[in-house]
Amino acid sequence: MTKTELEAFLAVLQYGSISAAAERLFITQPAMSRRMKSMEEELGYSLFERGRGQRSVELTENGKEFVPVAERLLTLYREAEEIPRRKKSPLLRVSTVNSIAFYLMPAVLKEMMSARDTCSIEFKTGRSSDIYGYVENGSVDVALVSDLLNSRRIVPFLVFREPFVFAGGESWRETGRVTPDMLDPEEQIRLPWNPEYDIWHSRWFPPDANPSLTADKMEFLEYFLNGKKWAVIPLLVARRFKRQDVWICPMEGGPEDMTIYGFTKENRMDDQIRRFFQCVREELQMIDGIELFSGR
């Protein structure tokens, strides 16, 4: 049973169907189906229930019992692949949500790379749901996410909490206070921060009001905040803006504070992971208004 087949099997579970998993792994659906069939032939039992017209996957009883076995096997494969790299320097694999990646990680990773006893770092971004999967399957060692999700194997802990603030174009300059009823939703630059933000947004703005721009790349944000355009953003993002003409002020009646959670592979905490969280906290200590937690 190959590493590729195990990754394919777990991807089918994560994304809910063979077609969706094939798309994520950049292979054809027939190729994905062949991998599943090969595993079943080697194991001697079916992993999936197969029914006409069935779009989402459903595991057999044997398939359900095989899931933790597949996760352990994939972890062993990856640990075996890491042996040559460990002889050179320790490897730390990091993943964060996009807002953390762009506005916090450059300084944190730079500090880690400058240490005398530095490690080799692999870094990638993703949605919170994807990152939980990375840590569960052993492909990431340490993570920062904005959503608290249920997981059988992960124990998240609080890292920091930050308020949402208002950011607007030059027409908002000198505005001392901003409340939701002052905002035109069609002038909004909207980004997918977290579920609490979405709840706040749906409470204040009608569903048929289209924002001026909806994007999933936070680094685009400040380029479009002109004139009457506005956004409600986490404090960390606002503090990292390069443009001096964007008006930043407190948001009254805004979303609940953004909470960032950390977790690690197999809930372990070795020297390199401790160093990572130390660098995160040292960087955030310089920003007034961010609440830090001691974590683990």
Protein backbone atom coordinates (compact mmCIF):
# COMPACT_ATOMS: atom_id res chain seq x y z
CA MET A 1 0.00 0.00 0.00
CA THR A 2 1.60 3.23 -1.14
CA LYS A 3 1.81 6.63 0.48
CA THR A 4 -0.03 8.05 -2.54
CA GLU A 5 -2.94 5.67 -2.01
CA LEU A 6 -3.18 6.53 1.69
CA GLU A 7 -3.16 10.26 0.93
CA ALA A 8 -5.88 9.71 -1.66
CA PHE A 9 -8.06 7.73 0.77
CA LEU A 10 -7.82 10.40 3.49
CA ALA A 11 -8.46 13.15 0.94
CA VAL A 12 -11.72 11.45 -0.08
CA LEU A 13 -12.81 11.51 3.57
CA GLN A 14 -11.76 15.14 4.03
CA TYR A 15 -13.48 16.50 0.92
CA GLY A 16 -16.52 14.23 0.93
CA SER A 17 -16.34 12.67 -2.53
CA ILE A 18 -13.94 11.03 -4.95
CA SER A 19 -14.43 13.81 -7.50
CA ALA A 20 -13.71 16.59 -4.98
CA ALA A 21 -10.62 14.79 -3.67
CA ALA A 22 -9.36 14.22 -7.21
CA GLU A 23 -9.71 17.92 -7.95
CA ARG A 24 -7.78 18.86 -4.79
CA LEU A 25 -4.97 16.41 -5.60
CA PHE A 26 -4.88 17.51 -9.26
CA ILE A 27 -5.57 14.05 -10.68
CA THR A 28 -8.43 12.66 -12.73
CA GLN A 29 -11.44 11.01 -11.12
CA PRO A 30 -10.71 7.64 -12.82
CA ALA A 31 -7.16 7.74 -11.42
CA MET A 32 -8.53 8.41 -7.94
CA SER A 33 -11.01 5.55 -8.29
CA ARG A 34 -8.19 3.21 -9.34
CA ARG A 35 -6.24 4.09 -6.21
CA MET A 36 -9.22 3.28 -4.02
CA LYS A 37 -9.80 -0.01 -5.86
CA SER A 38 -6.14 -0.97 -5.50
CA MET A 39 -6.28 -0.41 -1.74
CA GLU A 40 -9.43 -2.48 -1.38
CA GLU A 41 -7.91 -5.35 -3.37
CA GLU A 42 -4.78 -5.32 -1.21
CA LEU A 43 -6.78 -5.16 2.03
CA GLY A 44 -9.29 -7.76 0.94
CA TYR A 45 -12.38 -5.76 1.88
CA SER A 46 -14.42 -2.78 0.68
CA LEU A 47 -13.78 0.65 2.15
CA PHE A 48 -16.77 2.46 0.65
CA GLU A 49 -20.46 1.74 0.21
CA ARG A 50 -21.29 1.98 -3.46
CA GLY A 51 -24.78 2.83 -4.63
CA ARG A 52 -26.26 4.11 -7.87
CA GLY A 53 -26.54 7.89 -7.94
CA GLN A 54 -24.66 8.26 -4.65
CA ARG A 55 -22.63 11.50 -4.79
CA SER A 56 -21.00 11.64 -1.35
CA VAL A 57 -18.90 8.81 0.05
CA GLU A 58 -20.02 6.55 2.86
CA LEU A 59 -17.60 4.21 4.60
CA THR A 60 -18.29 0.56 5.28
CA GLU A 61 -17.82 -0.65 8.84
CA ASN A 62 -14.39 -1.98 7.85
CA GLY A 63 -13.64 1.35 6.21
CA LYS A 64 -14.44 3.24 9.42
CA GLU A 65 -12.06 1.03 11.41
CA PHE A 66 -9.37 1.50 8.76
CA VAL A 67 -9.34 5.34 9.06
CA PRO A 68 -7.08 5.58 12.17
CA VAL A 69 -4.85 2.85 10.71
CA ALA A 70 -4.45 4.84 7.49
CA GLU A 71 -3.58 7.97 9.48
CA ARG A 72 -0.90 6.11 11.44
CA LEU A 73 0.54 4.51 8.30
CA LEU A 74 0.76 7.86 6.54
CA THR A 75 2.49 9.39 9.56
CA LEU A 76 5.05 6.55 9.50
CA TYR A 77 5.67 7.08 5.79
CA ARG A 78 6.34 10.76 6.38
CA GLU A 79 8.57 10.14 9.36
CA ALA A 80 10.59 7.71 7.23
CA GLU A 81 10.96 10.36 4.52
CA GLU A 82 12.17 12.90 7.08
CA ILE A 83 15.13 10.81 8.30
CA PRO A 84 17.70 12.24 5.84
CA ARG A 85 16.55 15.79 6.55
CA ARG A 86 16.73 15.30 10.31
CA LYS A 87 20.41 14.48 9.99
CA LYS A 88 20.97 17.94 8.48
CA SER A 89 18.69 20.07 10.65
CA PRO A 90 15.35 19.69 12.43
CA LEU A 91 12.30 20.26 10.24
CA LEU A 92 9.36 22.35 11.44
CA ARG A 93 6.25 22.33 9.26
CA VAL A 94 3.98 25.32 9.90
CA SER A 95 0.53 26.19 8.55
CA THR A 96 -1.70 29.20 9.27
CA VAL A 97 -4.80 30.88 7.94
CA ASN A 98 -4.18 33.53 5.30
CA SER A 99 -4.54 36.63 7.49
CA ILE A 100 -1.93 35.32 9.94
CA ALA A 101 0.32 34.22 7.10
CA PHE A 102 0.52 37.62 5.45
CA TYR A 103 0.42 39.95 8.45
CA LEU A 104 2.28 38.04 11.18
CA MET A 105 4.32 35.13 9.83
CA PRO A 106 7.00 37.08 7.89
CA ALA A 107 8.37 38.59 11.11
CA VAL A 108 7.97 35.35 13.09
CA LEU A 109 9.65 33.12 10.52
CA LYS A 110 12.44 35.64 9.95
CA GLU A 111 13.19 35.61 13.68
CA MET A 112 13.21 31.81 13.80
CA MET A 113 15.50 31.58 10.78
CA SER A 114 17.98 33.99 12.38
CA ALA A 115 18.51 31.81 15.45
CA ARG A 116 21.87 30.09 15.84
CA ASP A 117 20.26 26.67 16.31
CA THR A 118 17.80 27.26 13.47
CA CYS A 119 15.58 24.58 12.00
CA SER A 120 14.46 24.02 8.44
CA ILE A 121 10.95 25.44 7.99
CA GLU A 122 8.18 24.40 5.63
CA PHE A 123 5.28 26.86 5.54
CA LYS A 124 1.89 26.77 3.84
CA THR A 125 -1.45 28.52 4.23
CA GLY A 126 -4.98 27.16 4.16
CA ARG A 127 -8.48 27.45 5.51
CA SER A 128 -8.98 26.43 9.12
CA SER A 129 -10.76 23.22 8.08
CA ASP A 130 -7.90 22.26 5.76
CA ILE A 131 -5.26 22.98 8.41
CA TYR A 132 -6.97 20.69 10.93
CA GLY A 133 -6.65 17.97 8.30
CA TYR A 134 -2.95 18.72 7.74
CA VAL A 135 -2.17 18.31 11.43
CA GLU A 136 -4.36 15.23 11.82
CA ASN A 137 -2.66 13.43 8.92
CA GLY A 138 0.80 14.40 10.13
CA SER A 139 1.85 16.70 7.28
CA VAL A 140 2.05 19.79 9.56
CA ASP A 141 3.67 20.10 13.01
CA VAL A 142 2.24 23.39 14.30
CA ALA A 143 -0.73 25.52 13.24
CA LEU A 144 -2.60 28.76 13.88
CA VAL A 145 -6.29 28.98 12.92
CA SER A 146 -9.26 31.28 13.46
CA ASP A 147 -12.00 28.62 13.72
CA LEU A 148 -12.55 26.18 16.57
CA LEU A 149 -13.59 22.86 15.01
CA ASN A 150 -14.32 19.43 16.42
CA SER A 151 -11.46 16.97 16.10
CA ARG A 152 -10.82 13.52 17.46
CA ARG A 153 -7.09 14.03 17.81
CA ILE A 154 -6.41 17.76 18.21
CA VAL A 155 -6.54 19.81 21.41
CA PRO A 156 -6.50 23.52 20.45
CA PHE A 157 -5.39 26.22 22.87
CA LEU A 158 -5.79 30.01 22.92
CA VAL A 159 -2.86 32.00 21.52
CA PHE A 160 -4.23 35.53 21.17
CA ARG A 161 -7.39 37.56 20.78
CA GLU A 162 -7.79 40.82 18.85
CA PRO A 163 -10.67 43.25 18.24
CA PHE A 164 -12.11 44.13 14.86
CA VAL A 165 -11.57 47.76 13.81
CA PHE A 166 -12.88 49.98 11.03
CA ALA A 167 -10.77 50.79 7.96
CA GLY A 168 -11.96 53.30 5.37
CA GLY A 169 -10.88 55.41 2.42
CA GLU A 170 -10.13 59.12 2.51
CA SER A 171 -13.83 60.08 2.78
CA TRP A 172 -13.86 58.62 6.30
CA ARG A 173 -10.90 60.67 7.53
CA GLU A 174 -11.41 62.29 10.94
CA THR A 175 -14.48 60.14 11.67
CA GLY A 176 -14.23 59.63 15.42
CA ARG A 177 -16.58 56.70 15.83
CA VAL A 178 -18.15 54.21 13.44
CA THR A 179 -21.25 52.12 14.08
CA PRO A 180 -22.84 49.54 11.76
CA ASP A 181 -25.81 51.77 10.90
CA MET A 182 -23.39 54.30 9.35
CA LEU A 183 -22.16 51.78 6.77
CA ASP A 184 -23.35 51.28 3.20
CA PRO A 185 -22.92 47.55 2.50
CA GLU A 186 -22.45 48.22 -1.22
CA GLU A 187 -19.28 50.23 -0.45
CA GLN A 188 -17.81 47.33 1.50
CA ILE A 189 -14.63 45.36 0.80
CA ARG A 190 -15.56 42.02 2.32
CA LEU A 191 -13.22 39.23 3.33
CA PRO A 192 -13.91 35.84 5.00
CA TRP A 193 -12.54 36.41 8.49
CA ASN A 194 -14.35 33.87 10.68
CA PRO A 195 -17.86 32.53 11.48
CA GLU A 196 -18.45 35.21 14.15
CA TYR A 197 -17.82 37.91 11.56
CA ASP A 198 -20.33 36.28 9.19
CA ILE A 199 -22.96 36.20 11.96
CA TRP A 200 -22.41 39.89 12.67
CA HIS A 201 -22.59 40.75 8.98
CA SER A 202 -25.87 38.90 8.42
CA ARG A 203 -27.39 40.64 11.46
CA TRP A 204 -26.66 44.14 10.16
CA PHE A 205 -26.83 43.92 6.38
CA PRO A 206 -29.47 42.46 4.02
CA PRO A 207 -28.45 39.33 2.10
CA ASP A 208 -29.19 40.95 -1.28
CA ALA A 209 -26.77 43.87 -0.67
CA ASN A 210 -23.70 43.11 -2.77
CA PRO A 211 -20.33 44.38 -1.48
CA SER A 212 -18.19 46.46 -3.79
CA LEU A 213 -15.61 43.66 -3.68
CA THR A 214 -15.57 40.20 -2.11
CA ALA A 215 -12.15 38.57 -2.01
CA ASP A 216 -10.31 35.80 -0.19
CA LYS A 217 -6.85 37.39 -0.43
CA MET A 218 -6.29 39.71 2.52
CA GLU A 219 -3.21 41.26 0.96
CA PHE A 220 -5.42 42.88 -1.72
CA LEU A 221 -7.43 44.75 0.89
CA GLU A 222 -5.62 48.05 1.30
CA TYR A 223 -5.34 48.66 -2.45
CA PHE A 224 -9.12 49.09 -2.72
CA LEU A 225 -9.84 51.21 0.35
CA ASN A 226 -10.41 54.49 -1.48
CA GLY A 227 -13.11 57.17 -1.21
CA LYS A 228 -16.13 55.80 0.64
CA LYS A 229 -14.95 52.18 0.54
CA TRP A 230 -14.70 50.48 3.92
CA ALA A 231 -13.91 47.20 5.64
CA VAL A 232 -14.12 45.78 9.14
CA ILE A 233 -10.84 44.03 9.84
CA PRO A 234 -8.81 42.48 12.68
CA LEU A 235 -6.48 44.85 14.52
CA LEU A 236 -3.35 42.94 13.45
CA VAL A 237 -4.24 43.44 9.79
CA ALA A 238 -4.82 47.17 10.33
CA ARG A 239 -1.48 47.61 12.10
CA ARG A 240 0.37 46.05 9.18
CA PHE A 241 -1.08 48.34 6.48
CA LYS A 242 1.60 50.10 4.45
CA ARG A 243 -0.69 52.89 3.22
CA GLN A 244 -0.79 55.91 5.51
CA ASP A 245 -3.98 57.38 4.00
CA VAL A 246 -6.29 54.54 5.11
CA TRP A 247 -8.38 55.75 8.07
CA ILE A 248 -8.36 53.33 11.01
CA CYS A 249 -10.59 53.80 14.05
CA PRO A 250 -12.47 51.70 16.64
CA MET A 251 -15.62 49.91 15.51
CA GLU A 252 -18.56 50.24 17.91
CA GLY A 253 -21.02 47.36 17.74
CA GLY A 254 -18.62 45.36 15.60
CA PRO A 255 -18.10 41.60 15.44
CA GLU A 256 -16.92 39.59 18.42
CA ASP A 257 -13.16 39.70 18.87
CA MET A 258 -11.16 37.41 16.61
CA THR A 259 -9.63 34.50 18.54
CA ILE A 260 -6.61 32.65 17.18
CA TYR A 261 -6.02 29.07 18.29
CA GLY A 262 -2.87 27.00 18.14
CA PHE A 263 -2.38 23.26 18.02
CA THR A 264 0.33 20.78 17.19
CA LYS A 265 0.86 17.36 15.68
CA GLU A 266 -0.03 14.72 18.26
CA ASN A 267 -0.40 17.63 20.75
CA ARG A 268 3.35 17.58 21.35
CA MET A 269 5.43 20.58 22.40
CA ASP A 270 9.14 20.22 21.57
CA ASP A 271 11.84 22.92 21.65
CA GLN A 272 11.25 24.15 18.09
CA ILE A 273 7.49 24.43 18.60
CA ARG A 274 7.99 26.30 21.88
CA ARG A 275 10.35 28.63 20.06
CA PHE A 276 7.71 29.22 17.38
CA PHE A 277 5.05 30.28 19.89
CA GLN A 278 7.60 32.39 21.76
CA CYS A 279 8.36 34.30 18.53
CA VAL A 280 4.63 34.76 17.88
CA ARG A 281 4.06 36.24 21.34
CA GLU A 282 7.14 38.47 21.18
CA GLU A 283 5.96 39.94 17.89
CA LEU A 284 2.40 40.52 19.16
CA GLN A 285 3.55 42.13 22.41
CA MET A 286 4.45 45.21 20.38
CA ILE A 287 0.82 45.78 19.32
CA ASP A 288 -1.47 47.50 21.83
CA GLY A 289 -4.94 46.01 22.02
CA ILE A 290 -4.01 42.37 21.40
CA GLU A 291 -4.66 40.00 24.31
CA LEU A 292 -2.06 37.24 24.65
CA PHE A 293 -2.54 33.88 26.34
CA SER A 294 0.16 31.70 27.87
CA GLY A 295 -1.16 28.63 26.03
CA ARG A 296 0.58 25.37 26.75
